[in-house]
Protein backbone atom coordinates (compact mmCIF):
# COMPACT_ATOMS: atom_id res chain seq x y z
CA MET A 1 40.54 -43.50 -0.39
CA THR A 2 38.88 -41.16 -2.90
CA ASP A 3 37.01 -38.00 -1.94
CA GLU A 4 33.74 -39.64 -3.01
CA MET A 5 34.29 -42.63 -0.73
CA MET A 6 35.21 -40.31 2.15
CA SER A 7 31.97 -38.37 1.62
CA LEU A 8 29.90 -41.55 1.52
CA ARG A 9 31.51 -42.89 4.70
CA THR A 10 30.88 -39.59 6.50
CA LEU A 11 27.26 -39.68 5.33
CA LEU A 12 26.71 -43.18 6.68
CA GLU A 13 28.27 -42.34 10.03
CA LYS A 14 26.43 -39.07 10.67
CA SER A 15 22.95 -39.55 9.17
CA SER A 16 20.01 -40.82 11.22
CA ASP A 17 18.01 -43.77 9.92
CA ALA A 18 15.10 -41.48 8.99
CA ASP A 19 17.29 -39.29 6.78
CA LEU A 20 19.66 -41.89 5.42
CA LEU A 21 17.65 -42.88 2.34
CA ARG A 22 17.05 -39.27 1.31
CA GLU A 23 20.73 -38.41 1.81
CA MET A 24 21.81 -41.47 -0.17
CA VAL A 25 19.52 -40.46 -3.04
CA GLY A 26 21.01 -36.97 -2.96
CA PHE A 27 24.56 -38.29 -2.88
CA ALA A 28 23.95 -40.62 -5.83
CA ALA A 29 22.20 -37.89 -7.83
CA GLN A 30 25.04 -35.42 -7.24
CA ARG A 31 27.63 -37.97 -8.39
CA LEU A 32 25.59 -38.75 -11.52
CA MET A 33 25.46 -35.07 -12.39
CA GLU A 34 29.22 -34.66 -11.86
CA LEU A 35 29.98 -37.65 -14.07
CA GLU A 36 27.63 -36.34 -16.76
CA VAL A 37 29.31 -32.92 -16.73
CA GLU A 38 32.75 -34.52 -16.90
CA SER A 39 31.73 -36.28 -20.11
CA LEU A 40 30.42 -33.01 -21.55
CA THR A 41 33.51 -30.97 -20.66
CA GLY A 42 36.06 -33.64 -21.47
CA ALA A 43 37.82 -33.28 -18.11
CA ALA A 44 37.24 -33.72 -14.39
CA HIS A 45 36.50 -30.75 -12.14
CA GLY A 46 39.64 -28.57 -11.84
CA GLU A 47 41.66 -30.82 -14.19
CA ARG A 48 43.90 -29.26 -16.82
CA SER A 49 43.59 -31.34 -19.97
CA PRO A 50 44.14 -30.80 -23.70
CA ASP A 51 40.96 -32.82 -24.25
CA ARG A 52 38.77 -30.25 -22.48
CA ILE A 53 36.01 -28.88 -24.75
CA ASN A 54 34.00 -26.83 -22.25
CA HIS A 55 34.23 -25.26 -18.80
CA ARG A 56 32.00 -25.18 -15.75
CA ASN A 57 30.20 -22.00 -14.82
CA GLY A 58 28.98 -22.46 -11.25
CA TYR A 59 25.84 -24.18 -10.00
CA ARG A 60 22.11 -23.62 -9.79
CA ASP A 61 20.18 -24.89 -6.79
CA ARG A 62 17.05 -27.00 -7.15
CA ILE A 63 14.78 -28.94 -4.80
CA TRP A 64 14.07 -32.41 -6.18
CA GLU A 65 10.90 -34.01 -4.80
CA THR A 66 11.43 -37.76 -4.48
CA ARG A 67 9.63 -40.56 -2.66
CA ALA A 68 12.41 -40.42 -0.09
CA GLY A 69 11.65 -36.74 0.54
CA ALA A 70 12.84 -33.37 -0.75
CA VAL A 71 16.47 -33.52 -1.94
CA GLU A 72 18.56 -30.38 -2.37
CA LEU A 73 20.59 -30.53 -5.59
CA ARG A 74 23.36 -28.31 -6.96
CA ILE A 75 23.11 -28.65 -10.73
CA PRO A 76 26.39 -27.79 -12.54
CA LYS A 77 26.19 -25.10 -15.24
CA LEU A 78 28.38 -24.93 -18.37
CA ARG A 79 29.96 -21.85 -19.92
CA LYS A 80 29.30 -22.60 -23.60
CA SER A 81 26.03 -24.51 -23.49
CA SER A 82 23.27 -25.59 -21.15
CA ASP A 83 22.85 -28.97 -19.53
CA PHE A 84 20.09 -30.57 -17.51
CA PRO A 85 20.46 -33.93 -15.75
CA VAL A 86 18.86 -36.75 -17.70
CA PHE A 87 17.23 -38.30 -14.62
CA LEU A 88 15.34 -35.05 -13.91
CA GLU A 89 13.86 -34.72 -17.38
CA PRO A 90 10.84 -37.05 -17.34
CA ARG A 91 8.14 -35.85 -14.96
CA ARG A 92 5.85 -38.41 -13.40
CA MET A 93 2.61 -38.83 -15.32
CA ALA A 94 0.42 -37.35 -12.58
CA GLU A 95 2.69 -34.32 -12.27
CA LYS A 96 2.41 -33.75 -16.02
CA ALA A 97 -1.35 -34.12 -15.80
CA LEU A 98 -1.56 -31.62 -12.96
CA ALA A 99 0.53 -29.17 -14.95
CA ALA A 100 -1.69 -29.70 -18.00
CA VAL A 101 -4.89 -29.11 -16.05
CA VAL A 102 -3.53 -25.94 -14.44
CA GLN A 103 -2.23 -24.68 -17.77
CA GLU A 104 -5.55 -25.33 -19.49
CA ALA A 105 -7.43 -23.47 -16.77
CA TYR A 106 -4.93 -20.63 -17.01
CA VAL A 107 -5.17 -20.30 -20.78
CA GLN A 108 -8.97 -20.36 -20.73
CA GLY A 109 -9.04 -17.63 -18.09
CA VAL A 110 -11.05 -19.65 -15.58
CA SER A 111 -8.39 -20.21 -12.94
CA THR A 112 -8.95 -19.25 -9.33
CA ARG A 113 -6.49 -17.24 -7.29
CA ALA A 114 -5.01 -20.46 -5.91
CA VAL A 115 -4.41 -21.78 -9.42
CA ASP A 116 -2.84 -18.47 -10.45
CA ASP A 117 -0.42 -18.78 -7.54
CA LEU A 118 0.40 -22.33 -8.57
CA VAL A 119 0.97 -21.26 -12.16
CA LYS A 120 3.53 -18.71 -11.01
CA ALA A 121 5.18 -21.16 -8.61
CA MET A 122 5.57 -23.71 -11.40
CA GLY A 123 7.04 -21.10 -13.76
CA MET A 124 4.20 -21.50 -16.27
CA THR A 125 3.48 -17.86 -17.09
CA GLY A 126 2.99 -17.10 -20.76
CA ILE A 127 1.82 -20.61 -21.64
CA SER A 128 0.42 -20.80 -25.17
CA LYS A 129 -2.60 -22.82 -26.26
CA SER A 130 -0.44 -24.89 -28.59
CA GLN A 131 1.88 -25.87 -25.73
CA VAL A 132 -1.08 -26.86 -23.59
CA SER A 133 -2.62 -28.85 -26.44
CA ARG A 134 0.61 -30.74 -27.09
CA LEU A 135 1.06 -31.68 -23.42
CA CYS A 136 -2.60 -32.65 -23.01
CA THR A 137 -2.54 -34.87 -26.10
CA GLU A 138 0.52 -36.75 -24.84
CA ILE A 139 -1.14 -37.48 -21.50
CA ASP A 140 -4.62 -38.14 -22.88
CA ASP A 141 -3.39 -40.86 -25.23
CA LYS A 142 -1.74 -42.79 -22.38
CA VAL A 143 -4.66 -42.33 -19.98
CA ALA A 144 -7.19 -43.36 -22.65
CA ALA A 145 -5.23 -46.51 -23.46
CA PHE A 146 -5.22 -47.41 -19.76
CA LEU A 147 -8.88 -46.65 -19.06
CA ASN A 148 -10.10 -48.48 -22.19
CA ARG A 149 -7.85 -51.56 -22.06
CA PRO A 150 -9.46 -55.02 -22.36
CA LEU A 151 -10.27 -56.77 -19.08
CA GLU A 152 -9.34 -60.44 -18.89
CA GLY A 153 -10.24 -63.17 -16.43
CA ASP A 154 -12.83 -63.24 -13.65
CA TRP A 155 -13.31 -60.37 -11.18
CA PRO A 156 -15.28 -61.77 -8.20
CA TYR A 157 -15.19 -58.60 -6.08
CA LEU A 158 -15.75 -55.10 -7.43
CA TRP A 159 -15.45 -51.93 -5.32
CA LEU A 160 -17.06 -48.67 -6.46
CA ASP A 161 -16.52 -45.38 -4.67
CA ALA A 162 -17.11 -41.70 -5.43
CA THR A 163 -15.10 -38.54 -4.93
CA TYR A 164 -16.70 -35.19 -5.67
CA VAL A 165 -15.00 -32.33 -7.54
CA LYS A 166 -16.07 -28.97 -8.93
CA VAL A 167 -16.17 -28.26 -12.65
CA ARG A 168 -17.40 -25.45 -14.91
CA ALA A 169 -20.42 -26.42 -17.01
CA THR A 170 -22.59 -24.14 -19.16
CA GLY A 171 -21.35 -21.02 -17.45
CA ARG A 172 -21.73 -22.16 -13.86
CA ILE A 173 -19.82 -24.22 -11.29
CA VAL A 174 -21.27 -27.64 -10.43
CA SER A 175 -20.23 -30.60 -8.30
CA VAL A 176 -19.81 -33.93 -10.10
CA ALA A 177 -18.98 -37.41 -8.90
CA VAL A 178 -15.81 -39.15 -10.02
CA ILE A 179 -16.48 -42.88 -9.69
CA VAL A 180 -13.50 -45.21 -9.37
CA ALA A 181 -13.87 -48.95 -10.00
CA VAL A 182 -11.30 -51.34 -8.52
CA ALA A 183 -11.51 -55.13 -8.47
CA VAL A 184 -9.80 -58.29 -7.28
CA ASN A 185 -9.11 -60.71 -10.09
CA SER A 186 -9.14 -64.49 -10.11
CA ASP A 187 -5.44 -64.87 -9.29
CA GLY A 188 -6.03 -63.34 -5.87
CA ARG A 189 -4.32 -59.99 -6.31
CA GLY A 190 -6.14 -57.20 -4.52
CA PRO A 191 -6.18 -54.65 -1.67
CA LEU A 192 -5.09 -55.21 1.88
CA ALA A 193 -7.60 -54.04 4.46
CA HIS A 194 -7.78 -50.41 5.59
CA GLY A 195 -6.32 -48.95 2.42
CA LEU A 196 -2.96 -50.69 2.37
CA VAL A 197 -1.56 -51.85 -0.95
CA PRO A 198 -1.37 -53.94 -3.03
CA TRP A 199 -4.67 -53.78 -4.85
CA GLY A 200 -5.85 -55.83 -7.78
CA GLU A 201 -6.43 -53.41 -10.62
CA VAL A 202 -8.08 -50.11 -11.30
CA LEU A 203 -10.70 -50.93 -13.93
CA GLY A 204 -11.98 -47.50 -14.87
CA ILE A 205 -13.59 -44.19 -13.93
CA ALA A 206 -16.80 -42.36 -14.74
CA ILE A 207 -17.84 -38.74 -14.25
CA GLY A 208 -21.44 -37.71 -13.75
CA ALA A 209 -24.48 -37.71 -11.46
CA ALA A 210 -23.93 -40.58 -9.02
CA GLU A 211 -27.59 -40.75 -7.97
CA ALA A 212 -28.99 -41.70 -11.39
CA GLU A 213 -29.62 -45.35 -12.32
CA THR A 214 -28.91 -44.57 -15.99
CA PHE A 215 -25.44 -43.32 -15.01
CA TRP A 216 -24.58 -46.51 -13.14
CA THR A 217 -26.07 -48.73 -15.83
CA GLU A 218 -24.02 -47.13 -18.60
CA PHE A 219 -20.80 -47.24 -16.54
CA LEU A 220 -21.19 -50.93 -15.67
CA ARG A 221 -22.09 -51.74 -19.28
CA SER A 222 -18.94 -49.99 -20.46
CA LEU A 223 -16.90 -52.21 -18.12
CA ALA A 224 -18.76 -55.30 -19.37
CA ARG A 225 -18.04 -54.36 -22.99
CA ARG A 226 -14.33 -54.30 -22.14
CA GLY A 227 -14.54 -57.83 -20.74
CA LEU A 228 -15.60 -57.51 -17.08
CA ARG A 229 -17.13 -60.82 -16.03
CA GLY A 230 -17.43 -63.19 -13.11
CA VAL A 231 -18.49 -60.47 -10.64
CA LYS A 232 -20.15 -61.98 -7.56
CA LEU A 233 -20.25 -59.02 -5.18
CA VAL A 234 -20.19 -55.25 -5.71
CA ILE A 235 -19.20 -53.17 -2.66
CA SER A 236 -20.19 -49.50 -2.49
CA ASP A 237 -22.04 -46.80 -0.59
CA ALA A 238 -25.82 -46.56 -0.91
CA HIS A 239 -26.03 -44.64 -4.18
CA GLU A 240 -29.52 -44.33 -5.61
CA GLY A 241 -29.96 -46.56 -8.65
CA LEU A 242 -26.75 -48.53 -8.19
CA LYS A 243 -28.32 -51.66 -6.72
CA ALA A 244 -30.73 -51.99 -9.65
CA ALA A 245 -27.92 -51.40 -12.17
CA VAL A 246 -25.75 -54.09 -10.53
CA ALA A 247 -28.56 -56.65 -10.76
CA LYS A 248 -29.43 -55.66 -14.34
CA VAL A 249 -25.93 -55.54 -15.83
CA LEU A 250 -23.73 -57.80 -13.70
CA HIS A 251 -26.33 -60.14 -12.13
CA ALA A 252 -24.31 -59.85 -8.92
CA SER A 253 -25.06 -59.29 -5.23
CA TRP A 254 -24.61 -55.85 -3.72
CA GLN A 255 -22.89 -55.11 -0.42
CA ARG A 256 -23.76 -51.79 1.18
CA CYS A 257 -20.68 -50.37 2.88
CA ARG A 258 -20.99 -51.54 6.48
CA VAL A 259 -18.95 -48.67 7.88
CA HIS A 260 -21.11 -45.98 6.28
CA PHE A 261 -24.31 -47.79 7.29
CA MET A 262 -23.17 -47.86 10.92
CA ARG A 263 -22.50 -44.13 10.84
CA ASN A 264 -25.97 -43.49 9.48
CA VAL A 265 -27.82 -45.79 11.87
CA LEU A 266 -25.94 -44.67 14.99
CA ALA A 267 -27.02 -41.09 14.34
CA HIS A 268 -30.44 -42.25 15.63
CA ALA A 269 -29.04 -43.91 18.77
CA GLY A 270 -28.40 -40.76 20.77
CA LYS A 271 -25.04 -39.54 21.98
CA HIS A 272 -24.92 -41.81 25.02
CA GLY A 273 -26.38 -44.90 23.39
CA ARG A 274 -24.15 -45.21 20.33
CA ARG A 275 -21.50 -47.42 21.89
CA VAL A 276 -24.03 -49.90 23.26
CA VAL A 277 -26.05 -50.03 20.03
CA ALA A 278 -22.87 -50.51 17.96
CA ALA A 279 -21.87 -53.44 20.17
CA PHE A 280 -25.33 -55.01 19.79
CA ILE A 281 -25.31 -54.76 15.99
CA ALA A 282 -21.72 -56.06 15.81
CA THR A 283 -22.86 -59.37 17.28
CA ALA A 284 -24.57 -60.12 13.95
CA PHE A 285 -21.29 -59.62 12.07
CA ALA A 286 -19.54 -62.08 14.38
CA GLN A 287 -21.78 -65.02 13.44
CA GLU A 288 -20.44 -68.07 11.59
CA ASP A 289 -22.72 -67.98 8.56
CA ALA A 290 -25.30 -65.87 6.76
CA GLU A 291 -28.37 -67.53 8.28
CA MET A 292 -27.10 -67.09 11.84
CA ALA A 293 -26.20 -63.47 11.05
CA ARG A 294 -29.71 -62.72 9.78
CA THR A 295 -31.29 -64.32 12.85
CA GLN A 296 -29.10 -62.31 15.19
CA TRP A 297 -29.71 -59.11 13.20
CA ARG A 298 -33.48 -59.47 13.59
CA GLN A 299 -33.19 -60.20 17.31
CA VAL A 300 -31.11 -57.06 17.84
CA ALA A 301 -33.59 -54.96 15.82
CA ASP A 302 -36.50 -56.32 17.91
CA GLN A 303 -34.67 -55.52 21.15
CA LEU A 304 -34.03 -51.93 20.02
CA ARG A 305 -37.50 -51.34 18.54
CA PRO A 306 -39.32 -50.25 21.74
CA LYS A 307 -36.85 -47.42 22.46
CA VAL A 308 -35.47 -46.47 19.02
CA ALA A 309 -38.12 -47.49 16.49
CA LYS A 310 -36.57 -45.51 13.61
CA LEU A 311 -33.22 -47.21 14.10
CA ALA A 312 -34.87 -50.64 14.10
CA ALA A 313 -36.76 -49.76 10.92
CA LEU A 314 -33.48 -48.83 9.23
CA MET A 315 -32.06 -52.22 10.25
CA ASP A 316 -35.10 -53.99 8.81
CA GLU A 317 -34.73 -52.16 5.51
CA ALA A 318 -30.95 -52.66 5.19
CA GLU A 319 -30.64 -56.26 6.41
CA ALA A 320 -30.06 -57.98 3.06
CA ASP A 321 -27.68 -55.32 1.77
CA VAL A 322 -25.51 -54.93 4.88
CA LEU A 323 -25.24 -58.70 5.46
CA ALA A 324 -24.60 -59.70 1.82
CA PHE A 325 -20.89 -60.30 2.56
CA MET A 326 -21.77 -63.03 5.07
CA SER A 327 -22.62 -65.39 2.18
CA PHE A 328 -19.00 -65.37 1.01
CA PRO A 329 -15.90 -67.18 2.32
CA LYS A 330 -15.12 -66.35 5.93
CA ASP A 331 -11.51 -65.38 5.14
CA HIS A 332 -12.75 -62.73 2.70
CA ARG A 333 -15.36 -61.09 4.90
CA PRO A 334 -13.09 -58.61 6.73
CA LYS A 335 -12.01 -57.26 3.33
CA ILE A 336 -15.32 -57.11 1.45
CA HIS A 337 -17.78 -55.60 3.93
CA SER A 338 -16.92 -51.94 3.20
CA THR A 339 -15.28 -49.46 0.84
CA ASN A 340 -12.59 -48.65 3.44
CA PRO A 341 -9.79 -50.13 1.28
CA LEU A 342 -10.37 -47.33 -1.24
CA GLU A 343 -9.91 -44.52 1.27
CA ARG A 344 -6.17 -44.08 0.71
CA LEU A 345 -6.65 -43.99 -3.05
CA ASN A 346 -9.49 -41.49 -2.82
CA GLY A 347 -7.45 -39.43 -0.38
CA GLU A 348 -4.68 -39.12 -2.95
CA ILE A 349 -7.17 -38.16 -5.66
CA LYS A 350 -8.70 -35.52 -3.39
CA ARG A 351 -5.30 -34.11 -2.47
CA ARG A 352 -4.34 -33.65 -6.13
CA THR A 353 -7.73 -32.34 -7.29
CA ASP A 354 -7.91 -29.82 -4.43
CA VAL A 355 -4.83 -28.16 -5.92
CA VAL A 356 -6.83 -27.34 -9.04
CA GLY A 357 -9.95 -26.24 -7.19
CA ILE A 358 -12.31 -25.83 -10.17
CA PHE A 359 -11.76 -27.90 -13.31
CA PRO A 360 -12.36 -26.23 -16.67
CA ASN A 361 -14.15 -29.30 -18.12
CA ASP A 362 -14.71 -33.05 -17.72
CA ASP A 363 -11.73 -33.89 -19.93
CA ALA A 364 -9.43 -32.15 -17.46
CA ILE A 365 -10.85 -34.28 -14.63
CA THR A 366 -10.30 -37.48 -16.61
CA ARG A 367 -6.76 -36.37 -17.45
CA LEU A 368 -5.65 -35.77 -13.86
CA VAL A 369 -7.56 -38.55 -12.10
CA GLY A 370 -6.74 -41.03 -14.87
CA ALA A 371 -3.04 -40.22 -14.61
CA ILE A 372 -3.11 -40.71 -10.82
CA LEU A 373 -4.86 -44.07 -11.21
CA LEU A 374 -2.46 -45.16 -13.95
CA GLU A 375 0.50 -44.55 -11.67
CA GLN A 376 -1.16 -46.25 -8.72
CA ASN A 377 -2.09 -49.28 -10.83
CA ASP A 378 1.52 -49.62 -11.99
CA GLU A 379 2.69 -49.58 -8.38
CA TRP A 380 0.20 -52.25 -7.36
CA ALA A 381 1.20 -54.42 -10.32
CA VAL A 382 4.73 -54.91 -8.98
CA GLN A 383 3.59 -55.87 -5.48
CA ARG A 384 4.01 -59.54 -4.69
CA ALA A 385 1.55 -59.86 -1.83
CA ARG A 386 -1.92 -61.16 -2.52
CA TYR A 387 -5.12 -59.84 -1.03
CA MET A 388 -6.72 -63.26 -1.04
CA THR A 389 -5.19 -66.69 -1.47
CA LEU A 390 -5.76 -68.67 -4.67
CA GLU A 391 -7.33 -71.46 -2.63
CA THR A 392 -10.03 -69.22 -1.16
CA ILE A 393 -10.82 -67.21 -4.28
CA ALA A 394 -10.81 -70.10 -6.79
CA PRO A 395 -14.36 -71.26 -5.87
CA LEU A 396 -15.67 -67.86 -7.02
CA SER A 397 -14.39 -68.37 -10.56
CA GLU A 398 -16.75 -68.73 -13.52
CA ASP A 399 -14.84 -71.88 -14.45
CA PRO A 400 -17.39 -74.74 -14.29
CA ILE A 401 -14.97 -77.02 -12.43
CA PHE A 402 -15.40 -74.76 -9.40
CA LYS A 403 -18.53 -74.47 -7.32
CA LEU A 404 -19.87 -71.37 -5.59
CA PRO A 405 -20.36 -71.36 -1.81
CA ALA A 406 -23.94 -72.20 -0.94
CA GLY A 407 -24.91 -68.75 0.33
CA ALA A 408 -23.45 -66.87 -2.67
CA ALA A 409 -25.22 -68.76 -5.44
């Protein structure tokens, strides 16, 4: 048995299940590097051969971050030339984007102390503007192609959610909204509940003031120009101006995020009454159809009105928006009543953007967030599971052979 097979057998016998995948990745990577060096030197390690054209010169240690965890590598060095493993060369798109954003901030002299520390940790001291420009251009071209691609087919359900980041603008630091649009398409691909993948597709992003109707109108029109059609329901938080923009541009219904509404309304229930009030309101969501849900909603509001009039008034005002999802197929309702499915995606965006702290400009935001979304979209594309079955989503299609459910027309 060869030394390599002995090492692999020992690895399998001694490693725990939690560490096995990471150790296997490390073992395979180390063997790939050894084989690559053998081809460059013309001989195996320690072998005397007339065909040898180079010699080893020790190792350099490196931590390789993989999806299986951090892997410790010993990269062989050569005496007469340098070598770097081929599989370590291409950085992931989001990692390149992060590096580009940090470099741009560094070159422009607007980096915070945290960014300075990151620059040093990534070995990016002495970065020139030309190097930054070259890296940014490479990423920007790919991100732009992704964010401006044509949209085909029908997209019955569209989720919109905002994450806020800081950026320098006209000599001061301001907070801007980064809006992410994700949708389920007519073949049923989309997000599993509570943020689990796979999603449908990331359609696009927008950066600006999330409380302005003009902002929402222009963003939705930009999606429509790329081919967005067949939208029946838009799910989002209660952003000012969004509801009007949805009706104007998409002619669709709007679902106010049920989870965020409940948080807002329960703030008026008192510390000791929240659980009871939440249970009362939930009875409306448990009804069989939209009409029964509206009837129950009004009864609950009337019961609460004598003791918590402000809470009841909020229920009166929000009834149509919070119960919009009840007009759609029953199997879809658990997945379309809130923006919760976007939380994992937004969490990843926030984690990456927090590293930067303050962005030098809007282009840098688009670069990093766009690269993250491009990677995530590629991952979702290879998932086989469907968010909704073809049978249940087909009636929402714009195809005239299908018919909308009565409550959604």
